PDB file of N, CA and C in Angstrom:
ATOM      1  N   UNK A   1      49.469-107.900 -73.986  1.00  0.00           N
ATOM      2  CA  UNK A   1      48.094-107.060 -73.447  1.00  0.00           C
ATOM      3  C   UNK A   1      47.072-108.283 -73.923  1.00  0.00           C
ATOM      4  N   UNK A   2      45.991-108.272 -73.776  1.00  0.00           N
ATOM      5  CA  UNK A   2      45.109-109.267 -74.011  1.00  0.00           C
ATOM      6  C   UNK A   2      44.116-107.879 -73.515  1.00  0.00           C
ATOM      7  N   UNK A   3      42.984-107.922 -74.741  1.00  0.00           N
ATOM      8  CA  UNK A   3      41.712-106.535 -75.706  1.00  0.00           C
ATOM      9  C   UNK A   3      40.780-107.622 -74.566  1.00  0.00           C
ATOM     10  N   UNK A   4      40.345-106.338 -74.333  1.00  0.00           N
ATOM     11  CA  UNK A   4      39.139-106.066 -73.627  1.00  0.00           C
ATOM     12  C   UNK A   4      38.342-105.737 -74.505  1.00  0.00           C
ATOM     13  N   UNK A   5      36.593-105.397 -74.117  1.00  0.00           N
ATOM     14  CA  UNK A   5      35.435-104.931 -74.382  1.00  0.00           C
ATOM     15  C   UNK A   5      34.331-104.294 -73.602  1.00  0.00           C
ATOM     16  N   UNK A   6      34.563-102.975 -74.273  1.00  0.00           N
ATOM     17  CA  UNK A   6      33.641-102.253 -73.247  1.00  0.00           C
ATOM     18  C   UNK A   6      32.570-101.704 -74.053  1.00  0.00           C
ATOM     19  N   UNK A   7      31.827-100.777 -72.381  1.00  0.00           N
ATOM     20  CA  UNK A   7      30.424-100.717 -72.693  1.00  0.00           C
ATOM     21  C   UNK A   7      30.328 -99.249 -72.385  1.00  0.00           C
ATOM     22  N   UNK A   8      30.425 -98.388 -73.098  1.00  0.00           N
ATOM     23  CA  UNK A   8      30.327 -96.922 -71.828  1.00  0.00           C
ATOM     24  C   UNK A   8      28.921 -96.650 -71.274  1.00  0.00           C
ATOM     25  N   UNK A   9      28.394 -96.349 -70.058  1.00  0.00           N
ATOM     26  CA  UNK A   9      27.489 -96.339 -69.726  1.00  0.00           C
ATOM     27  C   UNK A   9      27.022 -95.216 -69.786  1.00  0.00           C
ATOM     28  N   UNK A  10      27.557 -93.486 -69.921  1.00  0.00           N
ATOM     29  CA  UNK A  10      27.247 -92.303 -70.036  1.00  0.00           C
ATOM     30  C   UNK A  10      26.146 -92.833 -71.321  1.00  0.00           C
ATOM     31  N   UNK A  11      27.662 -92.944 -72.559  1.00  0.00           N
ATOM     32  CA  UNK A  11      27.127 -92.773 -74.339  1.00  0.00           C
ATOM     33  C   UNK A  11      26.529 -93.595 -74.612  1.00  0.00           C
ATOM     34  N   UNK A  12      26.952 -95.167 -74.202  1.00  0.00           N
ATOM     35  CA  UNK A  12      26.437 -96.560 -74.751  1.00  0.00           C
ATOM     36  C   UNK A  12      27.533 -97.365 -75.869  1.00  0.00           C
ATOM     37  N   UNK A  13      28.305 -96.661 -75.725  1.00  0.00           N
ATOM     38  CA  UNK A  13      29.688 -96.420 -77.218  1.00  0.00           C
ATOM     39  C   UNK A  13      30.250 -97.441 -76.664  1.00  0.00           C
ATOM     40  N   UNK A  14      30.375 -99.178 -77.229  1.00  0.00           N
ATOM     41  CA  UNK A  14      30.888-100.360 -77.263  1.00  0.00           C
ATOM     42  C   UNK A  14      31.867 -99.940 -77.977  1.00  0.00           C
ATOM     43  N   UNK A  15      33.773-100.369 -77.633  1.00  0.00           N
ATOM     44  CA  UNK A  15      34.435 -99.936 -78.499  1.00  0.00           C
ATOM     45  C   UNK A  15      35.373-101.301 -77.366  1.00  0.00           C
ATOM     46  N   UNK A  16      36.829-102.250 -78.104  1.00  0.00           N
ATOM     47  CA  UNK A  16      37.735-103.190 -77.445  1.00  0.00           C
ATOM     48  C   UNK A  16      39.215-102.109 -76.875  1.00  0.00           C
ATOM     49  N   UNK A  17      39.390-102.231 -76.844  1.00  0.00           N
ATOM     50  CA  UNK A  17      40.829-101.562 -75.710  1.00  0.00           C
ATOM     51  C   UNK A  17      41.986-102.579 -76.035  1.00  0.00           C
ATOM     52  N   UNK A  18      43.256-102.152 -76.331  1.00  0.00           N
ATOM     53  CA  UNK A  18      43.830-103.087 -75.469  1.00  0.00           C
ATOM     54  C   UNK A  18      45.127-102.482 -74.669  1.00  0.00           C
ATOM     55  N   UNK A  19      44.709-103.330 -73.398  1.00  0.00           N
ATOM     56  CA  UNK A  19      45.576-103.054 -71.920  1.00  0.00           C
ATOM     57  C   UNK A  19      45.778-103.896 -71.141  1.00  0.00           C
ATOM     58  N   UNK A  20      46.459-103.584 -69.897  1.00  0.00           N
ATOM     59  CA  UNK A  20      46.706-104.302 -68.789  1.00  0.00           C
ATOM     60  C   UNK A  20      45.535-104.457 -67.946  1.00  0.00           C
ATOM     61  N   UNK A  21      44.992-105.151 -67.054  1.00  0.00           N
ATOM     62  CA  UNK A  21      44.295-105.764 -66.593  1.00  0.00           C
ATOM     63  C   UNK A  21      43.853-103.945 -65.437  1.00  0.00           C
ATOM     64  N   UNK A  22      45.104-103.619 -65.161  1.00  0.00           N
ATOM     65  CA  UNK A  22      44.888-102.351 -63.866  1.00  0.00           C
ATOM     66  C   UNK A  22      44.883-101.114 -64.573  1.00  0.00           C
ATOM     67  N   UNK A  23      45.184-100.892 -66.049  1.00  0.00           N
ATOM     68  CA  UNK A  23      45.266 -99.719 -66.547  1.00  0.00           C
ATOM     69  C   UNK A  23      43.572 -99.392 -66.737  1.00  0.00           C
ATOM     70  N   UNK A  24      43.519 -97.618 -66.083  1.00  0.00           N
ATOM     71  CA  UNK A  24      42.111 -96.803 -66.230  1.00  0.00           C
ATOM     72  C   UNK A  24      42.231 -96.864 -67.590  1.00  0.00           C
ATOM     73  N   UNK A  25      40.607 -97.110 -68.270  1.00  0.00           N
ATOM     74  CA  UNK A  25      40.485 -96.689 -69.599  1.00  0.00           C
ATOM     75  C   UNK A  25      39.458 -96.084 -69.634  1.00  0.00           C
ATOM     76  N   UNK A  26      39.378 -95.144 -70.658  1.00  0.00           N
ATOM     77  CA  UNK A  26      38.122 -93.948 -70.818  1.00  0.00           C
ATOM     78  C   UNK A  26      37.326 -94.208 -72.189  1.00  0.00           C
ATOM     79  N   UNK A  27      35.696 -94.025 -72.463  1.00  0.00           N
ATOM     80  CA  UNK A  27      35.410 -94.171 -73.861  1.00  0.00           C
ATOM     81  C   UNK A  27      36.250 -93.367 -74.420  1.00  0.00           C
ATOM     82  N   UNK A  28      36.518 -93.436 -75.786  1.00  0.00           N
ATOM     83  CA  UNK A  28      36.771 -92.659 -76.902  1.00  0.00           C
ATOM     84  C   UNK A  28      36.076 -91.648 -77.577  1.00  0.00           C
ATOM     85  N   UNK A  29      35.043 -91.886 -77.489  1.00  0.00           N
ATOM     86  CA  UNK A  29      34.226 -91.296 -77.919  1.00  0.00           C
ATOM     87  C   UNK A  29      33.561 -89.878 -77.052  1.00  0.00           C
ATOM     88  N   UNK A  30      33.572 -90.286 -75.712  1.00  0.00           N
ATOM     89  CA  UNK A  30      32.603 -89.367 -74.700  1.00  0.00           C
ATOM     90  C   UNK A  30      33.554 -88.960 -73.851  1.00  0.00           C
ATOM     91  N   UNK A  31      34.963 -89.404 -73.342  1.00  0.00           N
ATOM     92  CA  UNK A  31      35.861 -89.349 -72.528  1.00  0.00           C
ATOM     93  C   UNK A  31      35.432 -89.893 -71.032  1.00  0.00           C
ATOM     94  N   UNK A  32      34.232 -90.396 -70.841  1.00  0.00           N
ATOM     95  CA  UNK A  32      33.761 -91.054 -69.685  1.00  0.00           C
ATOM     96  C   UNK A  32      34.499 -92.655 -69.331  1.00  0.00           C
ATOM     97  N   UNK A  33      35.280 -92.422 -68.010  1.00  0.00           N
ATOM     98  CA  UNK A  33      35.275 -93.764 -67.265  1.00  0.00           C
ATOM     99  C   UNK A  33      34.361 -94.224 -66.784  1.00  0.00           C
ATOM    100  N   UNK A  34      33.299 -94.039 -66.911  1.00  0.00           N
ATOM    101  CA  UNK A  34      32.165 -94.814 -66.298  1.00  0.00           C
ATOM    102  C   UNK A  34      32.074 -96.045 -67.462  1.00  0.00           C
ATOM    103  N   UNK A  35      32.551 -97.054 -66.763  1.00  0.00           N
ATOM    104  CA  UNK A  35      32.365 -97.911 -68.197  1.00  0.00           C
ATOM    105  C   UNK A  35      31.486 -99.807 -67.685  1.00  0.00           C
ATOM    106  N   UNK A  36      31.702-100.680 -68.395  1.00  0.00           N
ATOM    107  CA  UNK A  36      31.567-102.026 -67.914  1.00  0.00           C
ATOM    108  C   UNK A  36      31.788-103.061 -68.944  1.00  0.00           C
ATOM    109  N   UNK A  37      32.454-103.914 -68.404  1.00  0.00           N
ATOM    110  CA  UNK A  37      33.544-104.628 -69.288  1.00  0.00           C
ATOM    111  C   UNK A  37      32.643-105.653 -69.553  1.00  0.00           C
ATOM    112  N   UNK A  38      32.490-105.998 -70.717  1.00  0.00           N
ATOM    113  CA  UNK A  38      31.860-107.034 -71.726  1.00  0.00           C
ATOM    114  C   UNK A  38      32.577-108.432 -71.711  1.00  0.00           C
ATOM    115  N   UNK A  39      31.522-109.439 -71.689  1.00  0.00           N
ATOM    116  CA  UNK A  39      32.011-110.414 -71.802  1.00  0.00           C
ATOM    117  C   UNK A  39      32.434-110.852 -73.164  1.00  0.00           C
ATOM    118  N   UNK A  40      33.384-110.931 -73.694  1.00  0.00           N
ATOM    119  CA  UNK A  40      33.523-111.458 -74.876  1.00  0.00           C
ATOM    120  C   UNK A  40      33.678-112.606 -75.272  1.00  0.00           C
ATOM    121  N   UNK A  41      33.416-113.370 -76.205  1.00  0.00           N
ATOM    122  CA  UNK A  41      32.870-114.489 -77.468  1.00  0.00           C
ATOM    123  C   UNK A  41      33.914-114.474 -78.558  1.00  0.00           C
ATOM    124  N   UNK A  42      34.016-115.175 -79.101  1.00  0.00           N
ATOM    125  CA  UNK A  42      35.135-115.880 -80.596  1.00  0.00           C
ATOM    126  C   UNK A  42      34.468-116.852 -81.603  1.00  0.00           C
ATOM    127  N   UNK A  43      34.579-116.986 -82.214  1.00  0.00           N
ATOM    128  CA  UNK A  43      34.456-118.224 -82.855  1.00  0.00           C
ATOM    129  C   UNK A  43      35.608-118.367 -84.256  1.00  0.00           C
ATOM    130  N   UNK A  44      35.587-119.650 -84.598  1.00  0.00           N
ATOM    131  CA  UNK A  44      36.699-120.460 -85.822  1.00  0.00           C
ATOM    132  C   UNK A  44      35.449-121.052 -86.638  1.00  0.00           C
ATOM    133  N   UNK A  45      36.031-121.330 -87.520  1.00  0.00           N
ATOM    134  CA  UNK A  45      36.135-122.368 -88.605  1.00  0.00           C
ATOM    135  C   UNK A  45      36.764-123.623 -88.693  1.00  0.00           C
ATOM    136  N   UNK A  46      35.890-124.582 -88.862  1.00  0.00           N
ATOM    137  CA  UNK A  46      37.013-125.344 -89.247  1.00  0.00           C
ATOM    138  C   UNK A  46      36.797-126.378 -90.689  1.00  0.00           C
ATOM    139  N   UNK A  47      37.187-127.501 -90.639  1.00  0.00           N
ATOM    140  CA  UNK A  47      38.140-128.106 -92.085  1.00  0.00           C
ATOM    141  C   UNK A  47      37.802-129.395 -91.045  1.00  0.00           C
ATOM    142  N   UNK A  48      36.364-130.320 -91.683  1.00  0.00           N
ATOM    143  CA  UNK A  48      36.423-131.581 -91.306  1.00  0.00           C
ATOM    144  C   UNK A  48      37.945-132.349 -91.387  1.00  0.00           C
ATOM    145  N   UNK A  49      38.319-131.848 -92.150  1.00  0.00           N
ATOM    146  CA  UNK A  49      39.948-133.121 -92.133  1.00  0.00           C
ATOM    147  C   UNK A  49      40.627-132.392 -91.437  1.00  0.00           C
ATOM    148  N   UNK A  50      40.554-131.359 -90.757  1.00  0.00           N
ATOM    149  CA  UNK A  50      42.011-131.064 -89.666  1.00  0.00           C
ATOM    150  C   UNK A  50      41.469-130.954 -88.621  1.00  0.00           C
ATOM    151  N   UNK A  51      40.433-131.527 -88.195  1.00  0.00           N
ATOM    152  CA  UNK A  51      40.191-131.772 -86.826  1.00  0.00           C
ATOM    153  C   UNK A  51      40.109-133.634 -86.605  1.00  0.00           C
ATOM    154  N   UNK A  52      40.820-133.468 -84.871  1.00  0.00           N
ATOM    155  CA  UNK A  52      40.906-134.757 -84.702  1.00  0.00           C
ATOM    156  C   UNK A  52      39.322-135.122 -83.622  1.00  0.00           C
ATOM    157  N   UNK A  53      38.967-135.840 -84.752  1.00  0.00           N
ATOM    158  CA  UNK A  53      37.699-136.314 -84.171  1.00  0.00           C
ATOM    159  C   UNK A  53      37.448-137.047 -83.429  1.00  0.00           C
ATOM    160  N   UNK A  54      38.778-138.020 -82.532  1.00  0.00           N
ATOM    161  CA  UNK A  54      39.346-139.216 -82.285  1.00  0.00           C
ATOM    162  C   UNK A  54      39.186-139.159 -80.727  1.00  0.00           C
ATOM    163  N   UNK A  55      40.123-137.544 -80.699  1.00  0.00           N
ATOM    164  CA  UNK A  55      40.132-137.387 -79.280  1.00  0.00           C
ATOM    165  C   UNK A  55      39.335-137.217 -77.663  1.00  0.00           C
ATOM    166  N   UNK A  56      39.360-137.714 -77.257  1.00  0.00           N
ATOM    167  CA  UNK A  56      38.022-138.163 -75.731  1.00  0.00           C
ATOM    168  C   UNK A  56      37.978-136.940 -75.279  1.00  0.00           C
ATOM    169  N   UNK A  57      38.911-135.763 -75.544  1.00  0.00           N
ATOM    170  CA  UNK A  57      38.812-134.761 -74.627  1.00  0.00           C
ATOM    171  C   UNK A  57      37.635-134.111 -75.254  1.00  0.00           C
ATOM    172  N   UNK A  58      37.534-133.853 -76.608  1.00  0.00           N
ATOM    173  CA  UNK A  58      36.896-133.041 -77.111  1.00  0.00           C
ATOM    174  C   UNK A  58      35.339-133.456 -77.559  1.00  0.00           C
ATOM    175  N   UNK A  59      34.214-132.743 -78.077  1.00  0.00           N
ATOM    176  CA  UNK A  59      33.040-133.897 -78.084  1.00  0.00           C
ATOM    177  C   UNK A  59      33.189-134.192 -79.525  1.00  0.00           C
ATOM    178  N   UNK A  60      32.989-135.480 -79.552  1.00  0.00           N
ATOM    179  CA  UNK A  60      32.758-135.999 -81.130  1.00  0.00           C
ATOM    180  C   UNK A  60      31.918-135.316 -82.342  1.00  0.00           C
ATOM    181  N   UNK A  61      32.267-135.330 -83.136  1.00  0.00           N
ATOM    182  CA  UNK A  61      31.240-135.187 -84.206  1.00  0.00           C
ATOM    183  C   UNK A  61      29.941-134.640 -84.262  1.00  0.00           C
ATOM    184  N   UNK A  62      29.410-135.855 -83.970  1.00  0.00           N
ATOM    185  CA  UNK A  62      27.922-135.555 -84.076  1.00  0.00           C
ATOM    186  C   UNK A  62      27.656-134.030 -83.092  1.00  0.00           C
ATOM    187  N   UNK A  63      28.178-135.143 -82.102  1.00  0.00           N
ATOM    188  CA  UNK A  63      27.678-133.509 -81.273  1.00  0.00           C
ATOM    189  C   UNK A  63      28.400-131.985 -81.230  1.00  0.00           C
ATOM    190  N   UNK A  64      28.909-131.971 -81.763  1.00  0.00           N
ATOM    191  CA  UNK A  64      29.703-131.067 -82.449  1.00  0.00           C
ATOM    192  C   UNK A  64      28.225-130.432 -83.333  1.00  0.00           C
ATOM    193  N   UNK A  65      28.263-131.113 -84.461  1.00  0.00           N
ATOM    194  CA  UNK A  65      27.086-130.389 -85.198  1.00  0.00           C
ATOM    195  C   UNK A  65      25.624-130.094 -84.348  1.00  0.00           C
ATOM    196  N   UNK A  66      25.539-130.955 -83.609  1.00  0.00           N
ATOM    197  CA  UNK A  66      24.267-130.734 -82.431  1.00  0.00           C
ATOM    198  C   UNK A  66      24.657-129.112 -82.428  1.00  0.00           C
ATOM    199  N   UNK A  67      25.627-128.604 -81.608  1.00  0.00           N
ATOM    200  CA  UNK A  67      25.486-127.559 -81.123  1.00  0.00           C
ATOM    201  C   UNK A  67      25.923-126.522 -82.371  1.00  0.00           C
ATOM    202  N   UNK A  68      26.712-126.575 -82.952  1.00  0.00           N
ATOM    203  CA  UNK A  68      27.010-125.479 -83.700  1.00  0.00           C
ATOM    204  C   UNK A  68      25.139-124.845 -84.547  1.00  0.00           C
ATOM    205  N   UNK A  69      24.494-126.168 -84.624  1.00  0.00           N
ATOM    206  CA  UNK A  69      23.452-126.088 -85.549  1.00  0.00           C
ATOM    207  C   UNK A  69      22.574-125.226 -83.953  1.00  0.00           C
ATOM    208  N   UNK A  70      22.650-125.687 -82.915  1.00  0.00           N
ATOM    209  CA  UNK A  70      21.778-125.050 -81.788  1.00  0.00           C
ATOM    210  C   UNK A  70      21.795-123.528 -81.901  1.00  0.00           C
ATOM    211  N   UNK A  71      23.686-123.401 -81.959  1.00  0.00           N
ATOM    212  CA  UNK A  71      23.528-122.116 -81.932  1.00  0.00           C
ATOM    213  C   UNK A  71      23.290-120.775 -83.024  1.00  0.00           C
ATOM    214  N   UNK A  72      23.083-121.236 -83.939  1.00  0.00           N
ATOM    215  CA  UNK A  72      23.033-121.015 -85.310  1.00  0.00           C
ATOM    216  C   UNK A  72      21.112-120.563 -85.540  1.00  0.00           C
ATOM    217  N   UNK A  73      20.555-120.822 -84.607  1.00  0.00           N
ATOM    218  CA  UNK A  73      19.434-120.330 -84.538  1.00  0.00           C
ATOM    219  C   UNK A  73      18.874-118.729 -83.864  1.00  0.00           C
TER     220      UNK A  73
END
């Protein structure tokens, strides 16, 4: 089952829930089911020695560093 992030439209509580897609979810704080599903993002750390910089389907190291520095601004 995937983990989804939600925000309650009534009390603004943000929470994660391990749930099936069609399962009814309610806010654990106020019990309202008036929710908004949030877009989830994730992050990873990588050691250069473990990256396959020669893989043509991945951005090259310079492009990766440019994107990473832009995201940290």
